[in-house]
Amino acid sequence: MKLPLRGIIPPVITPLLDNNTLDVKGLEKLVEHLISGGVHGLFILGTTGEAPSLSYELRKEFIKRTCELTNKRIPVMVGITDTSFEGSLEIAHYSKEVGADAVVVAPPFYMPISQDELVVYLENLIPKSPLPLLLYNMPSHTKLHMDIETVKIGQKLGAIGIKDSSGDMFYQTNLIEEFKNIPEFAIITGTELFIPETILQGGHGAIAGGANIYPKLFVEMYDASIARDFEKIAILRELNIQLYNTIYAVSSNSSKYIRGLKCVLATMGICNDYTALPLSKYEGDDKKKIEEYVAHFKGIIA
């Protein structure tokens, strides 16, 4: 795996038939859909992948099958975030065993912790990781916003970059500035609308959930940003905003984003739309809205 990480890396949804059964045929279609869309890597078992809701057995099956299906065509990164330190290491070691390329970790998300406690956690975890490790700043889910000083310590311990899903452009700009002289340390945005700014300011790419459904749109946005094609960026950003106002906004539930992505993929005939408990898939009028949106975007978004 070349460093720094670059490009569009979808946080892959986990295709399910029920709460403990992987949609294997759907996963195969999804992997091919993403790779044919030109993405630069896959990130499985993140927030969009519903990782905390899945059993270890199911997580391991998902990791193994994804690595087999990808077959080293692009890198596979595995989320190991867990409330259990040993659980994170278990998934990390299994990921290496079956051929993954890197792991991704956010702060443990149940016990409220301080920056100092996170530093101690990283001091214990990063040296023991059997694979390169990407930090993951996800304050909305972990109750902790990583200080830049904490990220600097993580980098010195061996972290290869950070995915920032804070939605804070000022923070992300400061990250890019702080690490501009360490070219192998990647700054990856987790906010789709920030893709052009991230690249233009010197960042490296995006872990963009919408790339699950329309990978070519986000790859084109990345390429346009690299080329500084501002006219094309404006057109693609408008399409991205339309996704926010439609597919991502069908209901008022906080789970609307994951449910929307899965419902679109089911409508496209790619994989099942079952969501792991405690979430529930769209039914009735909500599902009909998604179907209408997919029909609207057909021919508009590649």
Protein backbone atom coordinates (compact mmCIF):
# COMPACT_ATOMS: atom_id res chain seq x y z
CA MET A 1 0.00 0.00 0.00
CA LYS A 2 1.49 3.29 -1.12
CA LEU A 3 1.70 6.20 1.30
CA PRO A 4 0.19 8.65 1.69
CA LEU A 5 -3.30 7.26 1.23
CA ARG A 6 -5.02 9.13 -1.57
CA GLY A 7 -8.30 9.38 -3.42
CA ILE A 8 -11.87 8.30 -2.80
CA ILE A 9 -12.29 5.49 -0.29
CA PRO A 10 -15.92 4.52 0.38
CA PRO A 11 -16.86 3.60 3.96
CA VAL A 12 -18.54 0.44 2.71
CA ILE A 13 -22.00 -0.45 3.97
CA THR A 14 -22.34 -3.99 5.34
CA PRO A 15 -24.81 -5.92 3.14
CA LEU A 16 -27.03 -8.04 5.40
CA LEU A 17 -29.85 -10.54 4.98
CA ASP A 18 -30.67 -10.44 8.69
CA ASN A 19 -28.99 -9.42 11.91
CA ASN A 20 -26.33 -12.10 11.72
CA THR A 21 -26.20 -13.12 8.05
CA LEU A 22 -24.02 -11.45 5.45
CA ASP A 23 -25.55 -10.84 2.03
CA VAL A 24 -22.69 -12.60 0.24
CA LYS A 25 -24.02 -12.20 -3.32
CA GLY A 26 -24.81 -8.57 -2.59
CA LEU A 27 -21.31 -7.98 -1.24
CA GLU A 28 -19.81 -9.38 -4.43
CA LYS A 29 -21.94 -7.04 -6.55
CA LEU A 30 -21.12 -4.10 -4.28
CA VAL A 31 -17.36 -4.64 -4.43
CA GLU A 32 -17.47 -4.79 -8.22
CA HIS A 33 -19.74 -1.72 -8.34
CA LEU A 34 -17.18 0.23 -6.30
CA ILE A 35 -14.06 -0.95 -8.09
CA SER A 36 -15.61 -0.39 -11.53
CA GLY A 37 -16.50 3.11 -10.31
CA GLY A 38 -12.80 3.86 -9.94
CA VAL A 39 -12.48 4.14 -6.15
CA HIS A 40 -8.99 4.06 -4.70
CA GLY A 41 -9.62 1.81 -1.69
CA LEU A 42 -12.28 0.37 0.61
CA PHE A 43 -12.92 1.10 4.28
CA ILE A 44 -15.05 -1.57 5.92
CA LEU A 45 -16.51 -1.75 9.42
CA GLY A 46 -16.74 1.96 9.97
CA THR A 47 -19.76 3.97 11.07
CA THR A 48 -21.50 3.56 7.72
CA GLY A 49 -20.73 -0.15 7.96
CA GLU A 50 -22.64 -0.37 11.28
CA ALA A 51 -19.61 -2.06 12.85
CA PRO A 52 -20.58 -1.72 16.56
CA SER A 53 -23.89 -3.50 15.83
CA LEU A 54 -22.24 -6.59 14.35
CA SER A 55 -20.96 -9.70 16.10
CA TYR A 56 -17.25 -10.49 15.93
CA GLU A 57 -18.06 -13.59 13.90
CA LEU A 58 -19.94 -11.54 11.31
CA ARG A 59 -17.25 -8.87 11.23
CA LYS A 60 -14.62 -11.51 10.52
CA GLU A 61 -16.66 -13.06 7.73
CA PHE A 62 -17.13 -9.62 6.18
CA ILE A 63 -13.40 -8.85 6.37
CA LYS A 64 -12.37 -12.19 4.87
CA ARG A 65 -14.86 -12.10 2.00
CA THR A 66 -14.11 -8.46 1.17
CA CYS A 67 -10.38 -9.16 1.00
CA GLU A 68 -11.01 -12.22 -1.20
CA LEU A 69 -13.33 -10.32 -3.54
CA THR A 70 -11.03 -7.31 -3.78
CA ASN A 71 -8.04 -9.59 -4.42
CA LYS A 72 -5.47 -6.81 -3.89
CA ARG A 73 -6.85 -4.70 -6.74
CA ILE A 74 -7.19 -1.79 -4.29
CA PRO A 75 -6.31 -1.49 -0.58
CA VAL A 76 -8.76 -2.67 2.07
CA MET A 77 -8.83 -0.86 5.41
CA VAL A 78 -10.68 -2.33 8.39
CA GLY A 79 -12.28 -0.46 11.27
CA ILE A 80 -11.18 -1.88 14.63
CA THR A 81 -12.82 0.71 16.89
CA ASP A 82 -14.23 -1.04 19.94
CA THR A 83 -15.00 -0.54 23.60
CA SER A 84 -12.55 -3.39 24.25
CA PHE A 85 -8.82 -2.85 23.73
CA GLU A 86 -8.21 -6.57 23.24
CA GLY A 87 -11.20 -6.74 20.89
CA SER A 88 -9.61 -4.09 18.67
CA LEU A 89 -6.35 -6.03 18.56
CA GLU A 90 -8.18 -9.28 17.82
CA ILE A 91 -9.85 -7.77 14.75
CA ALA A 92 -6.57 -6.13 13.70
CA HIS A 93 -4.67 -9.42 13.79
CA TYR A 94 -7.47 -11.22 11.96
CA SER A 95 -7.49 -8.51 9.31
CA LYS A 96 -3.80 -9.03 8.64
CA GLU A 97 -4.26 -12.80 8.54
CA VAL A 98 -6.86 -12.59 5.75
CA GLY A 99 -5.09 -9.97 3.66
CA ALA A 100 -6.27 -6.49 4.68
CA ASP A 101 -3.86 -3.61 4.14
CA ALA A 102 -4.51 -1.26 7.09
CA VAL A 103 -6.73 -0.67 10.10
CA VAL A 104 -8.66 2.38 11.27
CA VAL A 105 -9.35 3.34 14.88
CA ALA A 106 -11.45 5.99 16.61
CA PRO A 107 -11.43 6.57 20.37
CA PRO A 108 -13.31 3.93 22.41
CA PHE A 109 -16.89 5.17 22.45
CA TYR A 110 -18.57 4.21 25.73
CA MET A 111 -16.43 5.41 28.63
CA PRO A 112 -15.93 9.19 28.55
CA ILE A 113 -12.17 9.75 28.24
CA SER A 114 -9.79 12.70 28.19
CA GLN A 115 -7.14 13.60 25.64
CA ASP A 116 -4.48 12.29 28.04
CA GLU A 117 -6.27 8.97 28.33
CA LEU A 118 -6.58 8.76 24.55
CA VAL A 119 -2.84 9.33 24.25
CA VAL A 120 -2.16 6.45 26.65
CA TYR A 121 -4.58 4.30 24.64
CA LEU A 122 -2.75 5.08 21.39
CA GLU A 123 0.63 4.52 23.04
CA ASN A 124 -0.52 1.01 23.85
CA LEU A 125 -2.42 0.27 20.65
CA ILE A 126 -0.36 1.63 17.74
CA PRO A 127 2.90 -0.25 18.53
CA LYS A 128 0.91 -3.49 18.84
CA SER A 129 -1.04 -3.07 15.61
CA PRO A 130 0.04 -5.67 13.04
CA LEU A 131 -1.01 -3.37 10.19
CA PRO A 132 -0.56 0.34 9.35
CA LEU A 133 -3.08 2.36 11.34
CA LEU A 134 -5.21 5.36 10.37
CA LEU A 135 -6.65 7.55 13.13
CA TYR A 136 -10.37 8.37 12.96
CA ASN A 137 -11.77 11.57 14.48
CA MET A 138 -15.52 11.06 14.93
CA PRO A 139 -16.61 13.27 17.86
CA SER A 140 -20.36 12.88 17.18
CA HIS A 141 -20.09 9.17 17.99
CA THR A 142 -17.15 8.95 20.42
CA LYS A 143 -17.73 12.04 22.62
CA LEU A 144 -14.13 13.14 22.03
CA HIS A 145 -12.68 15.53 19.45
CA MET A 146 -9.02 14.65 18.91
CA ASP A 147 -6.72 17.55 19.68
CA ILE A 148 -4.10 18.24 17.03
CA GLU A 149 -1.45 17.60 19.68
CA THR A 150 -2.95 14.14 20.19
CA VAL A 151 -2.86 13.52 16.43
CA LYS A 152 0.81 14.59 16.38
CA ILE A 153 1.59 12.01 19.06
CA GLY A 154 -0.30 9.39 17.06
CA GLN A 155 1.77 10.23 13.98
CA LYS A 156 5.02 9.93 15.91
CA LEU A 157 3.87 6.54 17.21
CA GLY A 158 3.40 5.37 13.63
CA ALA A 159 -0.10 6.35 12.47
CA ILE A 160 -0.23 6.84 8.69
CA GLY A 161 -2.93 9.51 8.65
CA ILE A 162 -6.28 10.64 9.99
CA LYS A 163 -9.85 10.56 8.76
CA ASP A 164 -11.55 13.68 10.09
CA SER A 165 -15.32 13.40 10.37
CA SER A 166 -15.75 16.36 12.73
CA GLY A 167 -17.30 18.51 10.00
CA ASP A 168 -15.08 21.34 11.28
CA MET A 169 -13.30 22.91 8.30
CA PHE A 170 -11.16 25.15 10.51
CA TYR A 171 -9.86 22.10 12.41
CA GLN A 172 -9.25 20.19 9.19
CA THR A 173 -7.39 23.14 7.64
CA ASN A 174 -5.16 23.26 10.72
CA LEU A 175 -4.49 19.53 10.39
CA ILE A 176 -3.38 20.00 6.78
CA GLU A 177 -1.13 22.90 7.79
CA GLU A 178 0.35 21.00 10.76
CA PHE A 179 1.35 17.94 8.72
CA LYS A 180 2.24 19.58 5.39
CA ASN A 181 5.92 18.74 5.90
CA ILE A 182 5.18 15.07 6.62
CA PRO A 183 4.03 13.99 3.15
CA GLU A 184 3.44 10.34 4.06
CA PHE A 185 0.82 11.31 6.69
CA ALA A 186 -2.58 11.54 4.99
CA ILE A 187 -5.34 13.98 5.83
CA ILE A 188 -8.59 12.37 4.70
CA THR A 189 -11.90 14.18 5.03
CA GLY A 190 -15.02 12.34 6.14
CA THR A 191 -17.26 15.19 4.96
CA GLU A 192 -18.24 14.81 1.31
CA LEU A 193 -18.84 18.50 0.70
CA PHE A 194 -15.27 19.25 1.86
CA ILE A 195 -13.61 17.20 -0.91
CA PRO A 196 -12.56 20.12 -3.14
CA GLU A 197 -11.31 22.25 -0.25
CA THR A 198 -9.46 19.30 1.26
CA ILE A 199 -7.56 18.60 -1.96
CA LEU A 200 -6.98 22.24 -2.89
CA GLN A 201 -5.53 22.96 0.56
CA GLY A 202 -3.13 20.02 0.39
CA GLY A 203 -5.16 17.14 1.83
CA HIS A 204 -5.21 13.70 0.28
CA GLY A 205 -8.74 12.41 -0.25
CA ALA A 206 -12.08 11.47 1.24
CA ILE A 207 -13.83 8.58 2.90
CA ALA A 208 -17.16 9.48 1.32
CA GLY A 209 -20.30 7.53 2.14
CA GLY A 210 -22.08 8.58 -1.03
CA ALA A 211 -19.42 6.74 -3.03
CA ASN A 212 -21.23 3.55 -2.02
CA ILE A 213 -24.00 4.46 -4.43
CA TYR A 214 -22.39 6.81 -6.95
CA PRO A 215 -18.64 6.09 -6.87
CA LYS A 216 -17.90 7.78 -10.22
CA LEU A 217 -19.38 11.08 -9.00
CA PHE A 218 -16.92 11.27 -6.11
CA VAL A 219 -13.95 10.02 -8.12
CA GLU A 220 -14.70 12.74 -10.69
CA MET A 221 -14.91 15.33 -7.90
CA TYR A 222 -11.52 14.20 -6.60
CA ASP A 223 -10.00 14.28 -10.09
CA ALA A 224 -11.47 17.72 -10.80
CA SER A 225 -10.02 19.00 -7.52
CA ILE A 226 -6.58 17.62 -8.36
CA ALA A 227 -6.83 19.31 -11.77
CA ARG A 228 -8.16 22.54 -10.21
CA ASP A 229 -11.07 22.43 -12.65
CA PHE A 230 -13.33 24.84 -10.78
CA GLU A 231 -16.12 24.76 -13.35
CA LYS A 232 -16.44 20.99 -13.07
CA ILE A 233 -16.11 21.14 -9.28
CA ALA A 234 -19.11 23.50 -9.13
CA ILE A 235 -21.25 21.15 -11.24
CA LEU A 236 -20.32 18.07 -9.20
CA ARG A 237 -20.79 19.87 -5.88
CA GLU A 238 -24.32 20.80 -6.91
CA LEU A 239 -25.08 17.11 -7.54
CA ASN A 240 -23.60 16.26 -4.15
CA ILE A 241 -25.82 18.87 -2.49
CA GLN A 242 -28.81 17.28 -4.20
CA LEU A 243 -27.91 13.98 -2.54
CA TYR A 244 -27.90 15.71 0.86
CA ASN A 245 -31.31 17.21 0.19
CA THR A 246 -32.90 13.99 -1.10
CA ILE A 247 -31.43 10.55 -0.43
CA TYR A 248 -29.75 11.62 2.82
CA ALA A 249 -32.84 13.45 4.11
CA VAL A 250 -35.84 11.15 3.64
CA SER A 251 -36.68 10.97 7.35
CA SER A 252 -35.89 12.96 10.47
CA ASN A 253 -34.17 9.99 12.17
CA SER A 254 -30.45 10.30 12.81
CA SER A 255 -30.04 6.95 11.02
CA LYS A 256 -31.44 8.38 7.77
CA TYR A 257 -28.02 8.46 6.09
CA ILE A 258 -27.23 4.74 6.48
CA ARG A 259 -30.82 3.73 5.77
CA GLY A 260 -30.84 5.90 2.65
CA LEU A 261 -27.62 4.42 1.26
CA LYS A 262 -28.81 0.86 1.83
CA CYS A 263 -32.22 1.54 0.32
CA VAL A 264 -30.62 3.06 -2.81
CA LEU A 265 -28.34 0.04 -3.25
CA ALA A 266 -31.34 -2.29 -2.92
CA THR A 267 -33.28 -0.21 -5.44
CA MET A 268 -30.32 -0.49 -7.81
CA GLY A 269 -30.38 -4.28 -7.41
CA ILE A 270 -26.92 -4.40 -5.86
CA CYS A 271 -27.54 -5.73 -2.34
CA ASN A 272 -30.11 -6.17 0.41
CA ASP A 273 -31.20 -3.13 2.45
CA TYR A 274 -31.50 -4.81 5.86
CA THR A 275 -30.01 -2.68 8.64
CA ALA A 276 -28.62 -4.22 11.83
CA LEU A 277 -30.55 -3.67 15.04
CA PRO A 278 -31.24 -1.18 16.52
CA LEU A 279 -31.67 0.48 13.10
CA SER A 280 -34.50 -0.41 10.72
CA LYS A 281 -34.73 -0.20 6.95
CA TYR A 282 -37.03 2.11 5.03
CA GLU A 283 -40.52 0.85 4.27
CA GLY A 284 -43.67 2.30 2.71
CA ASP A 285 -43.64 5.97 1.72
CA ASP A 286 -40.00 6.46 2.73
CA LYS A 287 -38.90 3.61 0.48
CA LYS A 288 -41.02 4.99 -2.34
CA LYS A 289 -39.31 8.37 -1.99
CA ILE A 290 -35.91 6.71 -2.35
CA GLU A 291 -37.08 4.85 -5.45
CA GLU A 292 -38.26 8.15 -6.94
CA TYR A 293 -34.93 9.82 -6.16
CA VAL A 294 -32.98 6.96 -7.75
CA ALA A 295 -35.11 7.28 -10.87
CA HIS A 296 -34.48 11.04 -10.89
CA PHE A 297 -30.70 10.68 -10.64
CA LYS A 298 -30.52 7.94 -13.28
CA GLY A 299 -28.91 9.51 -16.29
CA ILE A 300 -27.85 12.58 -14.29
CA ILE A 301 -25.23 10.86 -12.12
CA ALA A 302 -23.06 8.16 -13.69
